[in-house]
Amino acid sequence: MEKDREILKLINVLRRIARGADYAAWQPQRSDAAAFCVTQYNKVLARLTEIEPAVAPLFTPLPEGTSPMVTRMAARELAAYFEDEPRREHSEHRRARHGCGARVYVGW
């Protein structure tokens, strides 16, 4: 059970890395942000590889200087590997928050 809890925490960190990399892509003058995201991704990958050795042949550490967009994609893919099914509650929440729930048809 402790192993599953740690994996969930690491998935949360991967989501935050993806968001940070998205920020770094929008702020290209902040190369330190992009480098930080790559470093954090590699640390999380190393820990997940220790917990779940099957990850090792599927995901590789990112080289220094990797673009923020590639870092974001890598973080999302690694998180997706550990998620059992798509996060439906998140998409439903997003639709409700943005008013994109049920459609209402209005005739003129």
PDB file of N, CA and C in Angstrom:
ATOM      1  N   MET A   1       0.820  -1.195   0.000  1.00  0.00           N
ATOM      2  CA  MET A   1       0.000   0.000   0.000  1.00  0.00           C
ATOM      3  C   MET A   1       0.869   1.268   0.000  1.00  0.00           C
ATOM      4  N   GLU A   2       1.967   1.247   0.729  1.00  0.00           N
ATOM      5  CA  GLU A   2       2.874   2.394   0.787  1.00  0.00           C
ATOM      6  C   GLU A   2       3.469   2.682  -0.599  1.00  0.00           C
ATOM      7  N   LYS A   3       3.743   1.621  -1.345  1.00  0.00           N
ATOM      8  CA  LYS A   3       4.292   1.767  -2.701  1.00  0.00           C
ATOM      9  C   LYS A   3       3.289   2.500  -3.589  1.00  0.00           C
ATOM     10  N   ASP A   4       2.018   2.120  -3.504  1.00  0.00           N
ATOM     11  CA  ASP A   4       0.987   2.773  -4.310  1.00  0.00           C
ATOM     12  C   ASP A   4       0.837   4.246  -3.944  1.00  0.00           C
ATOM     13  N   ARG A   5       0.937   4.543  -2.677  1.00  0.00           N
ATOM     14  CA  ARG A   5       0.814   5.929  -2.224  1.00  0.00           C
ATOM     15  C   ARG A   5       1.973   6.780  -2.765  1.00  0.00           C
ATOM     16  N   GLU A   6       3.179   6.227  -2.745  1.00  0.00           N
ATOM     17  CA  GLU A   6       4.325   6.963  -3.265  1.00  0.00           C
ATOM     18  C   GLU A   6       4.187   7.185  -4.768  1.00  0.00           C
ATOM     19  N   ILE A   7       3.694   6.188  -5.480  1.00  0.00           N
ATOM     20  CA  ILE A   7       3.501   6.336  -6.923  1.00  0.00           C
ATOM     21  C   ILE A   7       2.499   7.449  -7.203  1.00  0.00           C
ATOM     22  N   LEU A   8       1.411   7.512  -6.438  1.00  0.00           N
ATOM     23  CA  LEU A   8       0.426   8.576  -6.620  1.00  0.00           C
ATOM     24  C   LEU A   8       1.041   9.954  -6.379  1.00  0.00           C
ATOM     25  N   LYS A   9       1.882  10.052  -5.379  1.00  0.00           N
ATOM     26  CA  LYS A   9       2.555  11.321  -5.108  1.00  0.00           C
ATOM     27  C   LYS A   9       3.492  11.699  -6.257  1.00  0.00           C
ATOM     28  N   LEU A  10       4.196  10.722  -6.787  1.00  0.00           N
ATOM     29  CA  LEU A  10       5.115  10.997  -7.899  1.00  0.00           C
ATOM     30  C   LEU A  10       4.358  11.382  -9.169  1.00  0.00           C
ATOM     31  N   ILE A  11       3.187  10.789  -9.379  1.00  0.00           N
ATOM     32  CA  ILE A  11       2.354  11.171 -10.528  1.00  0.00           C
ATOM     33  C   ILE A  11       1.930  12.630 -10.384  1.00  0.00           C
ATOM     34  N   ASN A  12       1.581  13.022  -9.167  1.00  0.00           N
ATOM     35  CA  ASN A  12       1.230  14.415  -8.922  1.00  0.00           C
ATOM     36  C   ASN A  12       2.411  15.336  -9.238  1.00  0.00           C
ATOM     37  N   VAL A  13       3.597  14.933  -8.852  1.00  0.00           N
ATOM     38  CA  VAL A  13       4.790  15.725  -9.153  1.00  0.00           C
ATOM     39  C   VAL A  13       4.997  15.801 -10.672  1.00  0.00           C
ATOM     40  N   LEU A  14       4.770  14.710 -11.378  1.00  0.00           N
ATOM     41  CA  LEU A  14       4.912  14.729 -12.839  1.00  0.00           C
ATOM     42  C   LEU A  14       3.938  15.715 -13.472  1.00  0.00           C
ATOM     43  N   ARG A  15       2.725  15.780 -12.959  1.00  0.00           N
ATOM     44  CA  ARG A  15       1.756  16.752 -13.487  1.00  0.00           C
ATOM     45  C   ARG A  15       2.254  18.179 -13.275  1.00  0.00           C
ATOM     46  N   ARG A  16       2.844  18.417 -12.113  1.00  0.00           N
ATOM     47  CA  ARG A  16       3.374  19.756 -11.828  1.00  0.00           C
ATOM     48  C   ARG A  16       4.588  20.066 -12.693  1.00  0.00           C
ATOM     49  N   ILE A  17       5.396  19.065 -12.963  1.00  0.00           N
ATOM     50  CA  ILE A  17       6.540  19.253 -13.868  1.00  0.00           C
ATOM     51  C   ILE A  17       6.027  19.634 -15.254  1.00  0.00           C
ATOM     52  N   ALA A  18       4.977  18.966 -15.704  1.00  0.00           N
ATOM     53  CA  ALA A  18       4.402  19.277 -17.019  1.00  0.00           C
ATOM     54  C   ALA A  18       3.898  20.717 -17.055  1.00  0.00           C
ATOM     55  N   ARG A  19       3.240  21.150 -15.991  1.00  0.00           N
ATOM     56  CA  ARG A  19       2.770  22.538 -15.941  1.00  0.00           C
ATOM     57  C   ARG A  19       3.936  23.520 -15.903  1.00  0.00           C
ATOM     58  N   GLY A  20       4.970  23.172 -15.154  1.00  0.00           N
ATOM     59  CA  GLY A  20       6.152  24.028 -15.092  1.00  0.00           C
ATOM     60  C   GLY A  20       6.847  24.125 -16.440  1.00  0.00           C
ATOM     61  N   ALA A  21       6.898  23.018 -17.151  1.00  0.00           N
ATOM     62  CA  ALA A  21       7.504  23.026 -18.484  1.00  0.00           C
ATOM     63  C   ALA A  21       6.664  23.853 -19.448  1.00  0.00           C
ATOM     64  N   ASP A  22       5.357  23.825 -19.274  1.00  0.00           N
ATOM     65  CA  ASP A  22       4.486  24.657 -20.092  1.00  0.00           C
ATOM     66  C   ASP A  22       4.790  26.134 -19.849  1.00  0.00           C
ATOM     67  N   TYR A  23       4.970  26.489 -18.590  1.00  0.00           N
ATOM     68  CA  TYR A  23       5.355  27.868 -18.244  1.00  0.00           C
ATOM     69  C   TYR A  23       6.703  28.216 -18.884  1.00  0.00           C
ATOM     70  N   ALA A  24       7.652  27.304 -18.777  1.00  0.00           N
ATOM     71  CA  ALA A  24       8.988  27.550 -19.329  1.00  0.00           C
ATOM     72  C   ALA A  24       8.934  27.751 -20.843  1.00  0.00           C
ATOM     73  N   ALA A  25       8.005  27.071 -21.506  1.00  0.00           N
ATOM     74  CA  ALA A  25       7.875  27.240 -22.959  1.00  0.00           C
ATOM     75  C   ALA A  25       7.353  28.637 -23.297  1.00  0.00           C
ATOM     76  N   TRP A  26       6.503  29.170 -22.436  1.00  0.00           N
ATOM     77  CA  TRP A  26       5.952  30.511 -22.666  1.00  0.00           C
ATOM     78  C   TRP A  26       6.918  31.602 -22.250  1.00  0.00           C
ATOM     79  N   GLN A  27       7.892  31.263 -21.429  1.00  0.00           N
ATOM     80  CA  GLN A  27       8.886  32.224 -20.949  1.00  0.00           C
ATOM     81  C   GLN A  27      10.280  31.762 -21.367  1.00  0.00           C
ATOM     82  N   PRO A  28      10.607  31.801 -22.658  1.00  0.00           N
ATOM     83  CA  PRO A  28      11.875  31.237 -23.138  1.00  0.00           C
ATOM     84  C   PRO A  28      13.118  31.889 -22.537  1.00  0.00           C
ATOM     85  N   GLN A  29      13.009  33.116 -22.062  1.00  0.00           N
ATOM     86  CA  GLN A  29      14.175  33.764 -21.460  1.00  0.00           C
ATOM     87  C   GLN A  29      14.510  33.154 -20.107  1.00  0.00           C
ATOM     88  N   ARG A  30      13.616  32.332 -19.556  1.00  0.00           N
ATOM     89  CA  ARG A  30      13.848  31.681 -18.266  1.00  0.00           C
ATOM     90  C   ARG A  30      14.347  30.254 -18.491  1.00  0.00           C
ATOM     91  N   SER A  31      15.555  30.122 -18.989  1.00  0.00           N
ATOM     92  CA  SER A  31      16.106  28.800 -19.275  1.00  0.00           C
ATOM     93  C   SER A  31      16.317  27.989 -18.004  1.00  0.00           C
ATOM     94  N   ASP A  32      16.442  28.672 -16.848  1.00  0.00           N
ATOM     95  CA  ASP A  32      16.602  27.955 -15.593  1.00  0.00           C
ATOM     96  C   ASP A  32      15.344  27.158 -15.250  1.00  0.00           C
ATOM     97  N   ALA A  33      14.180  27.656 -15.651  1.00  0.00           N
ATOM     98  CA  ALA A  33      12.930  26.934 -15.397  1.00  0.00           C
ATOM     99  C   ALA A  33      12.899  25.644 -16.214  1.00  0.00           C
ATOM    100  N   ALA A  34      13.303  25.715 -17.456  1.00  0.00           N
ATOM    101  CA  ALA A  34      13.320  24.522 -18.309  1.00  0.00           C
ATOM    102  C   ALA A  34      14.317  23.496 -17.778  1.00  0.00           C
ATOM    103  N   ALA A  35      15.478  23.963 -17.368  1.00  0.00           N
ATOM    104  CA  ALA A  35      16.505  23.051 -16.830  1.00  0.00           C
ATOM    105  C   ALA A  35      16.025  22.402 -15.542  1.00  0.00           C
ATOM    106  N   PHE A  36      15.329  23.165 -14.708  1.00  0.00           N
ATOM    107  CA  PHE A  36      14.796  22.623 -13.461  1.00  0.00           C
ATOM    108  C   PHE A  36      13.784  21.510 -13.745  1.00  0.00           C
ATOM    109  N   CYS A  37      12.913  21.728 -14.724  1.00  0.00           N
ATOM    110  CA  CYS A  37      11.912  20.715 -15.071  1.00  0.00           C
ATOM    111  C   CYS A  37      12.572  19.420 -15.545  1.00  0.00           C
ATOM    112  N   VAL A  38      13.614  19.539 -16.352  1.00  0.00           N
ATOM    113  CA  VAL A  38      14.330  18.349 -16.833  1.00  0.00           C
ATOM    114  C   VAL A  38      14.966  17.604 -15.666  1.00  0.00           C
ATOM    115  N   THR A  39      15.604  18.342 -14.767  1.00  0.00           N
ATOM    116  CA  THR A  39      16.249  17.721 -13.609  1.00  0.00           C
ATOM    117  C   THR A  39      15.224  16.997 -12.741  1.00  0.00           C
ATOM    118  N   GLN A  40      14.102  17.652 -12.479  1.00  0.00           N
ATOM    119  CA  GLN A  40      13.066  17.036 -11.642  1.00  0.00           C
ATOM    120  C   GLN A  40      12.471  15.797 -12.321  1.00  0.00           C
ATOM    121  N   TYR A  41      12.234  15.893 -13.628  1.00  0.00           N
ATOM    122  CA  TYR A  41      11.706  14.738 -14.360  1.00  0.00           C
ATOM    123  C   TYR A  41      12.649  13.544 -14.221  1.00  0.00           C
ATOM    124  N   ASN A  42      13.937  13.792 -14.403  1.00  0.00           N
ATOM    125  CA  ASN A  42      14.912  12.704 -14.311  1.00  0.00           C
ATOM    126  C   ASN A  42      14.959  12.096 -12.913  1.00  0.00           C
ATOM    127  N   LYS A  43      14.794  12.919 -11.877  1.00  0.00           N
ATOM    128  CA  LYS A  43      14.769  12.404 -10.506  1.00  0.00           C
ATOM    129  C   LYS A  43      13.534  11.535 -10.267  1.00  0.00           C
ATOM    130  N   VAL A  44      12.387  12.005 -10.738  1.00  0.00           N
ATOM    131  CA  VAL A  44      11.150  11.230 -10.573  1.00  0.00           C
ATOM    132  C   VAL A  44      11.245   9.927 -11.356  1.00  0.00           C
ATOM    133  N   LEU A  45      11.770   9.993 -12.574  1.00  0.00           N
ATOM    134  CA  LEU A  45      11.941   8.781 -13.378  1.00  0.00           C
ATOM    135  C   LEU A  45      12.855   7.779 -12.668  1.00  0.00           C
ATOM    136  N   ALA A  46      13.926   8.262 -12.080  1.00  0.00           N
ATOM    137  CA  ALA A  46      14.847   7.369 -11.368  1.00  0.00           C
ATOM    138  C   ALA A  46      14.141   6.676 -10.208  1.00  0.00           C
ATOM    139  N   ARG A  47      13.342   7.424  -9.462  1.00  0.00           N
ATOM    140  CA  ARG A  47      12.627   6.833  -8.322  1.00  0.00           C
ATOM    141  C   ARG A  47      11.562   5.843  -8.799  1.00  0.00           C
ATOM    142  N   LEU A  48      10.839   6.190  -9.833  1.00  0.00           N
ATOM    143  CA  LEU A  48       9.824   5.268 -10.352  1.00  0.00           C
ATOM    144  C   LEU A  48      10.459   4.005 -10.914  1.00  0.00           C
ATOM    145  N   THR A  49      11.648   4.125 -11.473  1.00  0.00           N
ATOM    146  CA  THR A  49      12.362   2.955 -11.976  1.00  0.00           C
ATOM    147  C   THR A  49      12.774   2.045 -10.828  1.00  0.00           C
ATOM    148  N   GLU A  50      13.127   2.626  -9.683  1.00  0.00           N
ATOM    149  CA  GLU A  50      13.442   1.815  -8.502  1.00  0.00           C
ATOM    150  C   GLU A  50      12.209   1.073  -8.004  1.00  0.00           C
ATOM    151  N   ILE A  51      11.078   1.762  -7.990  1.00  0.00           N
ATOM    152  CA  ILE A  51       9.836   1.165  -7.493  1.00  0.00           C
ATOM    153  C   ILE A  51       9.291   0.140  -8.474  1.00  0.00           C
ATOM    154  N   GLU A  52       9.316   0.495  -9.759  1.00  0.00           N
ATOM    155  CA  GLU A  52       8.734  -0.338 -10.818  1.00  0.00           C
ATOM    156  C   GLU A  52       9.770  -0.520 -11.928  1.00  0.00           C
ATOM    157  N   PRO A  53      10.600  -1.564 -11.848  1.00  0.00           N
ATOM    158  CA  PRO A  53      11.678  -1.754 -12.832  1.00  0.00           C
ATOM    159  C   PRO A  53      11.206  -1.888 -14.283  1.00  0.00           C
ATOM    160  N   ALA A  54       9.946  -2.228 -14.507  1.00  0.00           N
ATOM    161  CA  ALA A  54       9.438  -2.367 -15.875  1.00  0.00           C
ATOM    162  C   ALA A  54       9.441  -1.038 -16.618  1.00  0.00           C
ATOM    163  N   VAL A  55       9.570   0.064 -15.913  1.00  0.00           N
ATOM    164  CA  VAL A  55       9.579   1.393 -16.534  1.00  0.00           C
ATOM    165  C   VAL A  55      10.887   1.643 -17.283  1.00  0.00           C
ATOM    166  N   ALA A  56      11.967   1.051 -16.811  1.00  0.00           N
ATOM    167  CA  ALA A  56      13.306   1.336 -17.345  1.00  0.00           C
ATOM    168  C   ALA A  56      13.432   1.210 -18.867  1.00  0.00           C
ATOM    169  N   PRO A  57      12.939   0.140 -19.482  1.00  0.00           N
ATOM    170  CA  PRO A  57      13.120   0.067 -20.941  1.00  0.00           C
ATOM    171  C   PRO A  57      12.159   0.968 -21.726  1.00  0.00           C
ATOM    172  N   LEU A  58      11.138   1.483 -21.073  1.00  0.00           N
ATOM    173  CA  LEU A  58      10.132   2.287 -21.776  1.00  0.00           C
ATOM    174  C   LEU A  58      10.426   3.777 -21.776  1.00  0.00           C
ATOM    175  N   PHE A  59      11.045   4.261 -20.704  1.00  0.00           N
ATOM    176  CA  PHE A  59      11.302   5.687 -20.550  1.00  0.00           C
ATOM    177  C   PHE A  59      12.775   5.914 -20.268  1.00  0.00           C
ATOM    178  N   THR A  60      13.341   6.920 -20.896  1.00  0.00           N
ATOM    179  CA  THR A  60      14.753   7.222 -20.698  1.00  0.00           C
ATOM    180  C   THR A  60      14.890   8.614 -20.085  1.00  0.00           C
ATOM    181  N   PRO A  61      15.969   8.837 -19.349  1.00  0.00           N
ATOM    182  CA  PRO A  61      16.204  10.175 -18.812  1.00  0.00           C
ATOM    183  C   PRO A  61      16.358  11.188 -19.940  1.00  0.00           C
ATOM    184  N   LEU A  62      15.939  12.402 -19.666  1.00  0.00           N
ATOM    185  CA  LEU A  62      16.046  13.466 -20.663  1.00  0.00           C
ATOM    186  C   LEU A  62      17.424  14.111 -20.585  1.00  0.00           C
ATOM    187  N   PRO A  63      18.024  14.395 -21.729  1.00  0.00           N
ATOM    188  CA  PRO A  63      19.325  15.076 -21.702  1.00  0.00           C
ATOM    189  C   PRO A  63      19.162  16.531 -21.273  1.00  0.00           C
ATOM    190  N   GLU A  64      20.224  17.054 -20.708  1.00  0.00           N
ATOM    191  CA  GLU A  64      20.245  18.462 -20.332  1.00  0.00           C
ATOM    192  C   GLU A  64      20.011  19.299 -21.591  1.00  0.00           C
ATOM    193  N   GLY A  65      19.216  20.323 -21.476  1.00  0.00           N
ATOM    194  CA  GLY A  65      18.939  21.172 -22.627  1.00  0.00           C
ATOM    195  C   GLY A  65      17.726  20.733 -23.429  1.00  0.00           C
ATOM    196  N   THR A  66      16.988  19.748 -22.931  1.00  0.00           N
ATOM    197  CA  THR A  66      15.767  19.312 -23.609  1.00  0.00           C
ATOM    198  C   THR A  66      14.767  20.459 -23.598  1.00  0.00           C
ATOM    199  N   SER A  67      14.039  20.617 -24.677  1.00  0.00           N
ATOM    200  CA  SER A  67      13.068  21.711 -24.763  1.00  0.00           C
ATOM    201  C   SER A  67      11.943  21.507 -23.747  1.00  0.00           C
ATOM    202  N   PRO A  68      11.341  22.600 -23.301  1.00  0.00           N
ATOM    203  CA  PRO A  68      10.239  22.484 -22.348  1.00  0.00           C
ATOM    204  C   PRO A  68       9.065  21.669 -22.883  1.00  0.00           C
ATOM    205  N   MET A  69       8.803  21.770 -24.171  1.00  0.00           N
ATOM    206  CA  MET A  69       7.668  21.035 -24.730  1.00  0.00           C
ATOM    207  C   MET A  69       7.916  19.524 -24.696  1.00  0.00           C
ATOM    208  N   VAL A  70       9.133  19.104 -24.963  1.00  0.00           N
ATOM    209  CA  VAL A  70       9.472  17.684 -24.891  1.00  0.00           C
ATOM    210  C   VAL A  70       9.408  17.214 -23.435  1.00  0.00           C
ATOM    211  N   THR A  71       9.875  18.043 -22.525  1.00  0.00           N
ATOM    212  CA  THR A  71       9.807  17.702 -21.106  1.00  0.00           C
ATOM    213  C   THR A  71       8.361  17.525 -20.676  1.00  0.00           C
ATOM    214  N   ARG A  72       7.506  18.428 -21.121  1.00  0.00           N
ATOM    215  CA  ARG A  72       6.076  18.331 -20.793  1.00  0.00           C
ATOM    216  C   ARG A  72       5.483  17.038 -21.323  1.00  0.00           C
ATOM    217  N   MET A  73       5.784  16.715 -22.574  1.00  0.00           N
ATOM    218  CA  MET A  73       5.253  15.478 -23.158  1.00  0.00           C
ATOM    219  C   MET A  73       5.758  14.256 -22.399  1.00  0.00           C
ATOM    220  N   ALA A  74       7.043  14.242 -22.059  1.00  0.00           N
ATOM    221  CA  ALA A  74       7.620  13.104 -21.344  1.00  0.00           C
ATOM    222  C   ALA A  74       6.982  12.935 -19.972  1.00  0.00           C
ATOM    223  N   ALA A  75       6.770  14.040 -19.267  1.00  0.00           N
ATOM    224  CA  ALA A  75       6.153  13.971 -17.937  1.00  0.00           C
ATOM    225  C   ALA A  75       4.729  13.448 -18.024  1.00  0.00           C
ATOM    226  N   ARG A  76       3.982  13.910 -19.003  1.00  0.00           N
ATOM    227  CA  ARG A  76       2.597  13.444 -19.163  1.00  0.00           C
ATOM    228  C   ARG A  76       2.537  11.966 -19.552  1.00  0.00           C
ATOM    229  N   GLU A  77       3.442  11.538 -20.411  1.00  0.00           N
ATOM    230  CA  GLU A  77       3.440  10.129 -20.813  1.00  0.00           C
ATOM    231  C   GLU A  77       3.834   9.215 -19.661  1.00  0.00           C
ATOM    232  N   LEU A  78       4.803   9.631 -18.866  1.00  0.00           N
ATOM    233  CA  LEU A  78       5.202   8.820 -17.720  1.00  0.00           C
ATOM    234  C   LEU A  78       4.079   8.747 -16.699  1.00  0.00           C
ATOM    235  N   ALA A  79       3.399   9.848 -16.466  1.00  0.00           N
ATOM    236  CA  ALA A  79       2.254   9.837 -15.552  1.00  0.00           C
ATOM    237  C   ALA A  79       1.151   8.932 -16.095  1.00  0.00           C
ATOM    238  N   ALA A  80       0.920   8.991 -17.392  1.00  0.00           N
ATOM    239  CA  ALA A  80      -0.133   8.180 -18.012  1.00  0.00           C
ATOM    240  C   ALA A  80       0.154   6.690 -17.870  1.00  0.00           C
ATOM    241  N   TYR A  81       1.416   6.311 -17.861  1.00  0.00           N
ATOM    242  CA  TYR A  81       1.774   4.903 -17.710  1.00  0.00           C
ATOM    243  C   TYR A  81       1.237   4.340 -16.400  1.00  0.00           C
ATOM    244  N   PHE A  82       1.239   5.154 -15.356  1.00  0.00           N
ATOM    245  CA  PHE A  82       0.828   4.682 -14.041  1.00  0.00           C
ATOM    246  C   PHE A  82      -0.657   4.904 -13.753  1.00  0.00           C
ATOM    247  N   GLU A  83      -1.325   5.673 -14.567  1.00  0.00           N
ATOM    248  CA  GLU A  83      -2.747   5.895 -14.357  1.00  0.00           C
ATOM    249  C   GLU A  83      -3.526   4.745 -14.962  1.00  0.00           C
ATOM    250  N   ASP A  84      -4.434   4.183 -14.181  1.00  0.00           N
ATOM    251  CA  ASP A  84      -5.207   3.034 -14.647  1.00  0.00           C
ATOM    252  C   ASP A  84      -6.154   3.395 -15.777  1.00  0.00           C
ATOM    253  N   GLU A  85      -6.837   4.519 -15.655  1.00  0.00           N
ATOM    254  CA  GLU A  85      -7.761   4.941 -16.690  1.00  0.00           C
ATOM    255  C   GLU A  85      -7.731   6.454 -16.782  1.00  0.00           C
ATOM    256  N   PRO A  86      -8.251   6.999 -17.866  1.00  0.00           N
ATOM    257  CA  PRO A  86      -8.222   8.453 -18.026  1.00  0.00           C
ATOM    258  C   PRO A  86      -8.920   9.153 -16.862  1.00  0.00           C
ATOM    259  N   ARG A  87      -8.481  10.353 -16.578  1.00  0.00           N
ATOM    260  CA  ARG A  87      -9.041  11.117 -15.472  1.00  0.00           C
ATOM    261  C   ARG A  87     -10.355  11.742 -15.897  1.00  0.00           C
ATOM    262  N   ARG A  88     -11.428  10.985 -15.808  1.00  0.00           N
ATOM    263  CA  ARG A  88     -12.735  11.474 -16.247  1.00  0.00           C
ATOM    264  C   ARG A  88     -13.247  12.588 -15.353  1.00  0.00           C
ATOM    265  N   GLU A  89     -13.060  12.441 -14.045  1.00  0.00           N
ATOM    266  CA  GLU A  89     -13.577  13.458 -13.139  1.00  0.00           C
ATOM    267  C   GLU A  89     -12.949  14.821 -13.421  1.00  0.00           C
ATOM    268  N   HIS A  90     -11.699  14.840 -13.882  1.00  0.00           N
ATOM    269  CA  HIS A  90     -11.051  16.105 -14.198  1.00  0.00           C
ATOM    270  C   HIS A  90     -11.709  16.746 -15.420  1.00  0.00           C
ATOM    271  N   SER A  91     -11.964  15.969 -16.451  1.00  0.00           N
ATOM    272  CA  SER A  91     -12.568  16.535 -17.650  1.00  0.00           C
ATOM    273  C   SER A  91     -14.004  16.958 -17.385  1.00  0.00           C
ATOM    274  N   GLU A  92     -14.729  16.199 -16.552  1.00  0.00           N
ATOM    275  CA  GLU A  92     -16.092  16.594 -16.211  1.00  0.00           C
ATOM    276  C   GLU A  92     -16.083  17.878 -15.409  1.00  0.00           C
ATOM    277  N   HIS A  93     -15.131  18.004 -14.498  1.00  0.00           N
ATOM    278  CA  HIS A  93     -15.009  19.227 -13.707  1.00  0.00           C
ATOM    279  C   HIS A  93     -14.695  20.408 -14.616  1.00  0.00           C
ATOM    280  N   ARG A  94     -13.812  20.212 -15.561  1.00  0.00           N
ATOM    281  CA  ARG A  94     -13.427  21.287 -16.480  1.00  0.00           C
ATOM    282  C   ARG A  94     -14.633  21.728 -17.303  1.00  0.00           C
ATOM    283  N   ARG A  95     -15.448  20.767 -17.802  1.00  0.00           N
ATOM    284  CA  ARG A  95     -16.629  21.124 -18.578  1.00  0.00           C
ATOM    285  C   ARG A  95     -17.614  21.922 -17.732  1.00  0.00           C
ATOM    286  N   ALA A  96     -17.822  21.490 -16.495  1.00  0.00           N
ATOM    287  CA  ALA A  96     -18.762  22.182 -15.623  1.00  0.00           C
ATOM    288  C   ALA A  96     -18.247  23.583 -15.286  1.00  0.00           C
ATOM    289  N   ARG A  97     -16.964  23.720 -15.041  1.00  0.00           N
ATOM    290  CA  ARG A  97     -16.373  24.996 -14.666  1.00  0.00           C
ATOM    291  C   ARG A  97     -16.452  25.995 -15.820  1.00  0.00           C
ATOM    292  N   HIS A  98     -16.305  25.521 -17.044  1.00  0.00           N
ATOM    293  CA  HIS A  98     -16.307  26.404 -18.203  1.00  0.00           C
ATOM    294  C   HIS A  98     -17.680  26.482 -18.873  1.00  0.00           C
ATOM    295  N   GLY A  99     -18.682  25.901 -18.255  1.00  0.00           N
ATOM    296  CA  GLY A  99     -20.014  25.983 -18.818  1.00  0.00           C
ATOM    297  C   GLY A  99     -20.192  25.172 -20.075  1.00  0.00           C
ATOM    298  N   CYS A 100     -19.427  24.115 -20.228  1.00  0.00           N
ATOM    299  CA  CYS A 100     -19.495  23.305 -21.438  1.00  0.00           C
ATOM    300  C   CYS A 100     -20.181  21.976 -21.160  1.00  0.00           C
ATOM    301  N   GLY A 101     -21.067  21.954 -20.210  1.00  0.00           N
ATOM    302  CA  GLY A 101     -21.751  20.714 -19.836  1.00  0.00           C
ATOM    303  C   GLY A 101     -22.755  20.324 -20.903  1.00  0.00           C
ATOM    304  N   ALA A 102     -23.994  20.150 -20.514  1.00  0.00           N
ATOM    305  CA  ALA A 102     -25.048  19.746 -21.446  1.00  0.00           C
ATOM    306  C   ALA A 102     -25.329  20.881 -22.435  1.00  0.00           C
ATOM    307  N   ARG A 103     -25.662  20.510 -23.634  1.00  0.00           N
ATOM    308  CA  ARG A 103     -25.964  21.503 -24.658  1.00  0.00           C
ATOM    309  C   ARG A 103     -27.431  21.922 -24.556  1.00  0.00           C
ATOM    310  N   VAL A 104     -27.652  23.166 -24.772  1.00  0.00           N
ATOM    311  CA  VAL A 104     -29.009  23.706 -24.783  1.00  0.00           C
ATOM    312  C   VAL A 104     -29.232  24.284 -26.161  1.00  0.00           C
ATOM    313  N   TYR A 105     -30.254  23.815 -26.845  1.00  0.00           N
ATOM    314  CA  TYR A 105     -30.548  24.294 -28.182  1.00  0.00           C
ATOM    315  C   TYR A 105     -31.654  25.350 -28.098  1.00  0.00           C
ATOM    316  N   VAL A 106     -31.383  26.459 -28.717  1.00  0.00           N
ATOM    317  CA  VAL A 106     -32.320  27.570 -28.688  1.00  0.00           C
ATOM    318  C   VAL A 106     -32.713  27.881 -30.125  1.00  0.00           C
ATOM    319  N   GLY A 107     -33.991  27.927 -30.370  1.00  0.00           N
ATOM    320  CA  GLY A 107     -34.474  28.259 -31.720  1.00  0.00           C
ATOM    321  C   GLY A 107     -34.710  29.750 -31.847  1.00  0.00           C
ATOM    322  N   TRP A 108     -34.471  30.300 -33.018  1.00  0.00           N
ATOM    323  CA  TRP A 108     -34.688  31.723 -33.223  1.00  0.00           C
ATOM    324  C   TRP A 108     -35.992  31.970 -33.862  1.00  0.00           C
TER     325      TRP A 108
END
